Amino acid sequence: MKREEKNAASRQKILDSARKEFAEKGYAQGSVNTICGDGELSKGILYHYFKDRDALYLACMEQCFQTLTAYLSEHGTCAGGGVERRLDVYFSASLRFFRAHRATACFCRSSIRDCSMCRSSSRCRPCSASPASIFRSPRRMC
């Protein structure tokens, strides 16, 4: 395995462990010690790839966003139809994505729970949606 491949694999292992920890406990309660322990990683290697816990969390967010947008670009677009049709295709593709990528869904839910704007009131200021309703699902995904 080349050095670049080994570096990418190590970085991904850290991200996988961090995403799991943040999904289960949220950003505020997520522990670097647990991330390292669960991933069988040293803190030194974690901090080699990420400046601090904030950088690690943001890298998890970025990876989730990139994975979702790539999926939606491939599966969630339609050339024709009106606004209702396009929204239907988009939301159907989003639901398929989150059902297929449960860890990402749990991480996204956790991120919304941790949103300081959502925690400070019963409504999220940017979208005025109830935080609990954003990812509500008839069955629990986590």
N, C-alpha and C. Protein backbone atom coordinates (compact mmCIF):
# COMPACT_ATOMS: atom_id res chain seq x y z
N MET A 1 0.85 -1.17 0.00
CA MET A 1 0.00 0.00 0.00
C MET A 1 0.90 1.24 0.00
N LYS A 2 0.62 2.15 -0.92
CA LYS A 2 1.41 3.38 -1.01
C LYS A 2 1.10 4.29 0.18
N ARG A 3 2.03 5.19 0.45
CA ARG A 3 1.88 6.11 1.57
C ARG A 3 0.59 6.92 1.45
N GLU A 4 0.27 7.40 0.27
CA GLU A 4 -0.95 8.20 0.06
C GLU A 4 -2.19 7.38 0.39
N GLU A 5 -2.20 6.12 -0.03
CA GLU A 5 -3.34 5.25 0.25
C GLU A 5 -3.46 4.97 1.75
N LYS A 6 -2.33 4.76 2.40
CA LYS A 6 -2.33 4.51 3.83
C LYS A 6 -2.82 5.75 4.58
N ASN A 7 -2.38 6.94 4.17
CA ASN A 7 -2.83 8.18 4.79
C ASN A 7 -4.34 8.36 4.61
N ALA A 8 -4.83 8.09 3.41
CA ALA A 8 -6.26 8.23 3.15
C ALA A 8 -7.06 7.24 3.99
N ALA A 9 -6.55 6.02 4.12
CA ALA A 9 -7.24 5.00 4.92
C ALA A 9 -7.26 5.39 6.40
N SER A 10 -6.15 5.91 6.90
CA SER A 10 -6.09 6.35 8.31
C SER A 10 -7.05 7.50 8.56
N ARG A 11 -7.06 8.45 7.66
CA ARG A 11 -7.96 9.61 7.79
C ARG A 11 -9.41 9.15 7.77
N GLN A 12 -9.74 8.22 6.87
CA GLN A 12 -11.11 7.73 6.77
C GLN A 12 -11.51 6.95 8.03
N LYS A 13 -10.60 6.20 8.59
CA LYS A 13 -10.87 5.45 9.82
C LYS A 13 -11.21 6.42 10.96
N ILE A 14 -10.48 7.52 11.03
CA ILE A 14 -10.75 8.55 12.05
C ILE A 14 -12.13 9.15 11.81
N LEU A 15 -12.43 9.50 10.56
CA LEU A 15 -13.73 10.10 10.24
C LEU A 15 -14.88 9.15 10.55
N ASP A 16 -14.73 7.88 10.25
CA ASP A 16 -15.78 6.90 10.52
C ASP A 16 -16.05 6.79 12.02
N SER A 17 -14.97 6.73 12.80
CA SER A 17 -15.12 6.63 14.25
C SER A 17 -15.72 7.91 14.83
N ALA A 18 -15.29 9.05 14.31
CA ALA A 18 -15.80 10.35 14.79
C ALA A 18 -17.27 10.52 14.43
N ARG A 19 -17.64 10.17 13.22
CA ARG A 19 -19.04 10.31 12.81
C ARG A 19 -19.95 9.45 13.69
N LYS A 20 -19.50 8.27 14.02
CA LYS A 20 -20.27 7.39 14.91
C LYS A 20 -20.42 8.02 16.29
N GLU A 21 -19.33 8.52 16.84
CA GLU A 21 -19.37 9.14 18.17
C GLU A 21 -20.25 10.39 18.19
N PHE A 22 -20.09 11.25 17.20
CA PHE A 22 -20.90 12.47 17.15
C PHE A 22 -22.37 12.16 16.90
N ALA A 23 -22.64 11.12 16.13
CA ALA A 23 -24.04 10.73 15.88
C ALA A 23 -24.70 10.24 17.16
N GLU A 24 -23.95 9.49 17.96
CA GLU A 24 -24.52 8.94 19.19
C GLU A 24 -24.63 9.97 20.31
N LYS A 25 -23.63 10.85 20.43
CA LYS A 25 -23.57 11.74 21.58
C LYS A 25 -23.66 13.22 21.25
N GLY A 26 -23.63 13.56 19.97
CA GLY A 26 -23.64 14.97 19.58
C GLY A 26 -22.26 15.57 19.72
N TYR A 27 -22.12 16.77 19.21
CA TYR A 27 -20.82 17.44 19.24
C TYR A 27 -20.38 17.74 20.68
N ALA A 28 -21.28 18.29 21.48
CA ALA A 28 -20.92 18.72 22.82
C ALA A 28 -20.45 17.58 23.70
N GLN A 29 -21.07 16.42 23.57
CA GLN A 29 -20.72 15.28 24.42
C GLN A 29 -19.77 14.29 23.75
N GLY A 30 -19.51 14.49 22.46
CA GLY A 30 -18.60 13.59 21.75
C GLY A 30 -17.19 13.71 22.31
N SER A 31 -16.53 12.58 22.48
CA SER A 31 -15.24 12.54 23.14
C SER A 31 -14.14 12.07 22.19
N VAL A 32 -13.05 12.84 22.14
CA VAL A 32 -11.90 12.43 21.34
C VAL A 32 -11.33 11.12 21.89
N ASN A 33 -11.37 10.95 23.20
CA ASN A 33 -10.88 9.69 23.80
C ASN A 33 -11.68 8.50 23.29
N THR A 34 -13.00 8.65 23.21
CA THR A 34 -13.84 7.56 22.71
C THR A 34 -13.60 7.33 21.23
N ILE A 35 -13.47 8.42 20.46
CA ILE A 35 -13.19 8.29 19.03
C ILE A 35 -11.90 7.49 18.82
N CYS A 36 -10.87 7.82 19.57
CA CYS A 36 -9.59 7.10 19.44
C CYS A 36 -9.71 5.66 19.93
N GLY A 37 -10.40 5.46 21.05
CA GLY A 37 -10.54 4.11 21.60
C GLY A 37 -11.33 3.19 20.69
N ASP A 38 -12.47 3.69 20.19
CA ASP A 38 -13.31 2.86 19.32
C ASP A 38 -12.63 2.57 17.99
N GLY A 39 -11.87 3.52 17.50
CA GLY A 39 -11.20 3.33 16.22
C GLY A 39 -9.81 2.72 16.35
N GLU A 40 -9.42 2.40 17.61
CA GLU A 40 -8.09 1.87 17.89
C GLU A 40 -7.03 2.77 17.28
N LEU A 41 -7.13 4.06 17.62
CA LEU A 41 -6.24 5.09 17.10
C LEU A 41 -5.56 5.81 18.25
N SER A 42 -4.40 6.37 17.98
CA SER A 42 -3.75 7.21 18.98
C SER A 42 -4.22 8.64 18.79
N LYS A 43 -4.18 9.42 19.86
CA LYS A 43 -4.54 10.83 19.74
C LYS A 43 -3.57 11.54 18.80
N GLY A 44 -2.32 11.11 18.82
CA GLY A 44 -1.32 11.72 17.96
C GLY A 44 -1.69 11.63 16.49
N ILE A 45 -2.18 10.46 16.07
CA ILE A 45 -2.55 10.30 14.66
C ILE A 45 -3.79 11.14 14.34
N LEU A 46 -4.73 11.21 15.29
CA LEU A 46 -5.92 12.03 15.08
C LEU A 46 -5.51 13.49 14.87
N TYR A 47 -4.63 13.98 15.76
CA TYR A 47 -4.23 15.39 15.65
C TYR A 47 -3.23 15.63 14.53
N HIS A 48 -2.67 14.58 13.97
CA HIS A 48 -1.84 14.73 12.78
C HIS A 48 -2.72 15.13 11.58
N TYR A 49 -3.91 14.55 11.52
CA TYR A 49 -4.81 14.81 10.40
C TYR A 49 -5.77 15.97 10.65
N PHE A 50 -6.09 16.24 11.91
CA PHE A 50 -7.08 17.27 12.24
C PHE A 50 -6.54 18.16 13.35
N LYS A 51 -6.64 19.46 13.14
CA LYS A 51 -6.09 20.45 14.08
C LYS A 51 -6.70 20.30 15.48
N ASP A 52 -8.00 20.11 15.53
CA ASP A 52 -8.70 19.99 16.81
C ASP A 52 -10.04 19.31 16.58
N ARG A 53 -10.82 19.19 17.63
CA ARG A 53 -12.11 18.51 17.54
C ARG A 53 -13.04 19.24 16.58
N ASP A 54 -12.99 20.57 16.56
CA ASP A 54 -13.81 21.34 15.62
C ASP A 54 -13.50 20.98 14.18
N ALA A 55 -12.22 20.90 13.85
CA ALA A 55 -11.82 20.55 12.48
C ALA A 55 -12.29 19.14 12.13
N LEU A 56 -12.22 18.24 13.09
CA LEU A 56 -12.69 16.87 12.86
C LEU A 56 -14.19 16.84 12.61
N TYR A 57 -14.94 17.56 13.43
CA TYR A 57 -16.39 17.61 13.27
C TYR A 57 -16.76 18.23 11.91
N LEU A 58 -16.09 19.32 11.56
CA LEU A 58 -16.37 19.96 10.26
C LEU A 58 -16.02 19.04 9.10
N ALA A 59 -14.96 18.26 9.23
CA ALA A 59 -14.61 17.30 8.18
C ALA A 59 -15.68 16.22 8.05
N CYS A 60 -16.24 15.80 9.17
CA CYS A 60 -17.36 14.84 9.13
C CYS A 60 -18.55 15.46 8.41
N MET A 61 -18.86 16.71 8.76
CA MET A 61 -19.98 17.41 8.11
C MET A 61 -19.74 17.53 6.60
N GLU A 62 -18.53 17.91 6.24
CA GLU A 62 -18.21 18.08 4.82
C GLU A 62 -18.35 16.77 4.06
N GLN A 63 -17.85 15.69 4.64
CA GLN A 63 -17.93 14.40 3.97
C GLN A 63 -19.39 13.96 3.81
N CYS A 64 -20.19 14.15 4.84
CA CYS A 64 -21.62 13.80 4.74
C CYS A 64 -22.30 14.63 3.66
N PHE A 65 -22.02 15.91 3.63
CA PHE A 65 -22.62 16.78 2.63
C PHE A 65 -22.20 16.38 1.22
N GLN A 66 -20.91 16.09 1.05
CA GLN A 66 -20.42 15.68 -0.27
C GLN A 66 -21.04 14.37 -0.72
N THR A 67 -21.18 13.43 0.20
CA THR A 67 -21.79 12.14 -0.13
C THR A 67 -23.25 12.32 -0.54
N LEU A 68 -23.98 13.13 0.23
CA LEU A 68 -25.38 13.38 -0.08
C LEU A 68 -25.54 14.11 -1.41
N THR A 69 -24.76 15.16 -1.63
CA THR A 69 -24.91 15.93 -2.88
C THR A 69 -24.52 15.09 -4.10
N ALA A 70 -23.51 14.23 -3.96
CA ALA A 70 -23.14 13.36 -5.08
C ALA A 70 -24.28 12.39 -5.39
N TYR A 71 -24.88 11.83 -4.35
CA TYR A 71 -26.00 10.91 -4.55
C TYR A 71 -27.17 11.63 -5.22
N LEU A 72 -27.50 12.81 -4.71
CA LEU A 72 -28.63 13.55 -5.27
C LEU A 72 -28.36 14.00 -6.70
N SER A 73 -27.12 14.32 -7.00
CA SER A 73 -26.78 14.70 -8.38
C SER A 73 -27.01 13.53 -9.33
N GLU A 74 -26.73 12.34 -8.84
CA GLU A 74 -26.89 11.15 -9.68
C GLU A 74 -28.34 10.65 -9.71
N HIS A 75 -29.03 10.69 -8.56
CA HIS A 75 -30.34 10.06 -8.45
C HIS A 75 -31.51 11.02 -8.24
N GLY A 76 -31.22 12.24 -7.89
CA GLY A 76 -32.31 13.12 -7.46
C GLY A 76 -32.63 14.26 -8.38
N THR A 77 -32.27 14.13 -9.63
CA THR A 77 -32.58 15.21 -10.56
C THR A 77 -33.45 14.66 -11.69
N CYS A 78 -34.26 15.54 -12.20
CA CYS A 78 -35.04 15.16 -13.39
C CYS A 78 -35.06 16.37 -14.32
N ALA A 79 -34.97 16.09 -15.58
CA ALA A 79 -34.89 17.16 -16.56
C ALA A 79 -36.22 17.86 -16.76
N GLY A 80 -37.29 17.13 -16.64
CA GLY A 80 -38.58 17.71 -16.96
C GLY A 80 -39.49 17.79 -15.76
N GLY A 81 -40.66 18.32 -16.00
CA GLY A 81 -41.66 18.39 -14.94
C GLY A 81 -41.67 19.74 -14.26
N GLY A 82 -42.75 19.97 -13.57
CA GLY A 82 -42.89 21.21 -12.84
C GLY A 82 -42.20 21.16 -11.49
N VAL A 83 -42.42 22.18 -10.73
CA VAL A 83 -41.80 22.30 -9.42
C VAL A 83 -42.21 21.14 -8.52
N GLU A 84 -43.49 20.78 -8.51
CA GLU A 84 -43.95 19.68 -7.66
C GLU A 84 -43.25 18.37 -8.03
N ARG A 85 -43.12 18.10 -9.29
CA ARG A 85 -42.45 16.88 -9.75
C ARG A 85 -40.99 16.87 -9.32
N ARG A 86 -40.32 17.99 -9.50
CA ARG A 86 -38.90 18.07 -9.13
C ARG A 86 -38.72 17.90 -7.62
N LEU A 87 -39.58 18.53 -6.84
CA LEU A 87 -39.51 18.37 -5.38
C LEU A 87 -39.77 16.93 -4.97
N ASP A 88 -40.75 16.30 -5.62
CA ASP A 88 -41.05 14.90 -5.32
C ASP A 88 -39.84 14.02 -5.60
N VAL A 89 -39.18 14.22 -6.72
CA VAL A 89 -38.00 13.43 -7.08
C VAL A 89 -36.88 13.69 -6.07
N TYR A 90 -36.68 14.96 -5.72
CA TYR A 90 -35.63 15.33 -4.77
C TYR A 90 -35.85 14.68 -3.40
N PHE A 91 -37.05 14.82 -2.86
CA PHE A 91 -37.31 14.27 -1.53
C PHE A 91 -37.32 12.75 -1.52
N SER A 92 -37.81 12.15 -2.58
CA SER A 92 -37.76 10.68 -2.68
C SER A 92 -36.32 10.19 -2.71
N ALA A 93 -35.49 10.87 -3.47
CA ALA A 93 -34.07 10.48 -3.54
C ALA A 93 -33.39 10.71 -2.19
N SER A 94 -33.72 11.80 -1.51
CA SER A 94 -33.15 12.07 -0.19
C SER A 94 -33.51 10.97 0.80
N LEU A 95 -34.77 10.56 0.81
CA LEU A 95 -35.19 9.49 1.71
C LEU A 95 -34.48 8.18 1.39
N ARG A 96 -34.35 7.85 0.11
CA ARG A 96 -33.62 6.63 -0.28
C ARG A 96 -32.17 6.69 0.21
N PHE A 97 -31.56 7.87 0.06
CA PHE A 97 -30.18 8.04 0.50
C PHE A 97 -30.05 7.78 2.00
N PHE A 98 -30.90 8.43 2.80
CA PHE A 98 -30.79 8.29 4.25
C PHE A 98 -31.14 6.89 4.74
N ARG A 99 -32.01 6.20 4.03
CA ARG A 99 -32.30 4.81 4.39
C ARG A 99 -31.10 3.92 4.08
N ALA A 100 -30.40 4.22 3.00
CA ALA A 100 -29.24 3.42 2.61
C ALA A 100 -27.98 3.80 3.40
N HIS A 101 -27.95 5.01 3.93
CA HIS A 101 -26.77 5.52 4.66
C HIS A 101 -27.20 5.93 6.06
N ARG A 102 -27.53 4.94 6.86
CA ARG A 102 -28.08 5.20 8.19
C ARG A 102 -27.12 5.97 9.10
N ALA A 103 -25.84 5.70 9.02
CA ALA A 103 -24.88 6.42 9.87
C ALA A 103 -24.87 7.91 9.52
N THR A 104 -24.98 8.21 8.25
CA THR A 104 -25.03 9.61 7.82
C THR A 104 -26.32 10.26 8.31
N ALA A 105 -27.42 9.54 8.24
CA ALA A 105 -28.70 10.07 8.73
C ALA A 105 -28.63 10.38 10.21
N CYS A 106 -28.05 9.48 10.98
CA CYS A 106 -27.93 9.69 12.42
C CYS A 106 -27.02 10.88 12.71
N PHE A 107 -25.94 11.00 11.95
CA PHE A 107 -25.03 12.14 12.13
C PHE A 107 -25.74 13.45 11.82
N CYS A 108 -26.52 13.48 10.74
CA CYS A 108 -27.26 14.70 10.38
C CYS A 108 -28.27 15.07 11.46
N ARG A 109 -28.98 14.08 11.97
CA ARG A 109 -29.93 14.34 13.06
C ARG A 109 -29.23 14.92 14.26
N SER A 110 -28.11 14.33 14.61
CA SER A 110 -27.34 14.80 15.75
C SER A 110 -26.88 16.24 15.53
N SER A 111 -26.47 16.55 14.31
CA SER A 111 -26.01 17.91 14.00
C SER A 111 -27.13 18.92 14.16
N ILE A 112 -28.33 18.53 13.77
CA ILE A 112 -29.47 19.43 13.93
C ILE A 112 -29.80 19.60 15.40
N ARG A 113 -29.74 18.53 16.16
CA ARG A 113 -29.98 18.64 17.61
C ARG A 113 -28.98 19.57 18.25
N ASP A 114 -27.74 19.55 17.77
CA ASP A 114 -26.68 20.36 18.36
C ASP A 114 -26.69 21.80 17.86
N CYS A 115 -27.49 22.11 16.86
CA CYS A 115 -27.51 23.45 16.29
C CYS A 115 -27.87 24.46 17.38
N SER A 116 -26.99 25.41 17.64
CA SER A 116 -27.23 26.38 18.71
C SER A 116 -28.48 27.20 18.44
N MET A 117 -28.79 27.44 17.17
CA MET A 117 -30.00 28.20 16.86
C MET A 117 -31.24 27.38 17.19
N CYS A 118 -31.17 26.06 16.98
CA CYS A 118 -32.32 25.20 17.29
C CYS A 118 -32.47 25.00 18.79
N ARG A 119 -31.35 24.89 19.51
CA ARG A 119 -31.41 24.66 20.95
C ARG A 119 -31.95 25.87 21.69
N SER A 120 -31.70 27.06 21.15
CA SER A 120 -32.05 28.27 21.89
C SER A 120 -33.54 28.60 21.83
N SER A 121 -34.26 27.98 20.93
CA SER A 121 -35.69 28.25 20.83
C SER A 121 -36.39 27.01 20.30
N SER A 122 -37.70 27.09 20.21
CA SER A 122 -38.44 25.93 19.71
C SER A 122 -38.43 25.87 18.19
N ARG A 123 -37.94 26.90 17.54
CA ARG A 123 -37.87 26.94 16.08
C ARG A 123 -36.46 27.28 15.63
N CYS A 124 -36.02 26.63 14.57
CA CYS A 124 -34.73 26.94 13.98
C CYS A 124 -34.89 28.24 13.20
N ARG A 125 -34.11 29.24 13.51
CA ARG A 125 -34.27 30.56 12.90
C ARG A 125 -34.13 30.58 11.38
N PRO A 126 -33.14 29.88 10.79
CA PRO A 126 -33.00 29.99 9.35
C PRO A 126 -34.20 29.46 8.57
N CYS A 127 -34.82 28.38 9.05
CA CYS A 127 -35.89 27.77 8.26
C CYS A 127 -37.23 27.80 8.96
N SER A 128 -37.28 28.19 10.21
CA SER A 128 -38.50 28.26 11.01
C SER A 128 -39.18 26.90 11.15
N ALA A 129 -38.45 25.84 10.92
CA ALA A 129 -39.02 24.50 11.08
C ALA A 129 -38.74 24.01 12.49
N SER A 130 -39.60 23.21 13.00
CA SER A 130 -39.37 22.59 14.29
C SER A 130 -38.19 21.63 14.13
N PRO A 131 -37.14 21.73 14.97
CA PRO A 131 -35.98 20.85 14.82
C PRO A 131 -36.36 19.38 14.82
N ALA A 132 -37.33 19.00 15.62
CA ALA A 132 -37.72 17.59 15.67
C ALA A 132 -38.38 17.13 14.38
N SER A 133 -38.99 18.05 13.65
CA SER A 133 -39.71 17.65 12.44
C SER A 133 -38.82 17.53 11.22
N ILE A 134 -37.62 18.07 11.29
CA ILE A 134 -36.77 18.10 10.10
C ILE A 134 -36.42 16.70 9.63
N PHE A 135 -36.05 15.81 10.56
CA PHE A 135 -35.69 14.45 10.17
C PHE A 135 -36.63 13.42 10.77
N ARG A 136 -37.85 13.82 11.05
CA ARG A 136 -38.81 12.88 11.63
C ARG A 136 -39.07 11.77 10.61
N SER A 137 -39.14 10.59 11.11
CA SER A 137 -39.36 9.43 10.26
C SER A 137 -40.35 8.52 10.96
N PRO A 138 -41.19 7.80 10.21
CA PRO A 138 -42.12 6.89 10.85
C PRO A 138 -41.44 5.80 11.65
N ARG A 139 -40.21 5.46 11.30
CA ARG A 139 -39.49 4.46 12.08
C ARG A 139 -38.09 4.99 12.39
N ARG A 140 -37.60 4.61 13.52
CA ARG A 140 -36.31 5.07 13.98
C ARG A 140 -35.21 4.45 13.11
N MET A 141 -34.26 5.29 12.66
CA MET A 141 -33.21 4.81 11.79
C MET A 141 -31.94 4.44 12.55
N CYS A 142 -31.73 5.00 13.71
CA CYS A 142 -30.48 4.76 14.45
C CYS A 142 -30.59 3.47 15.25
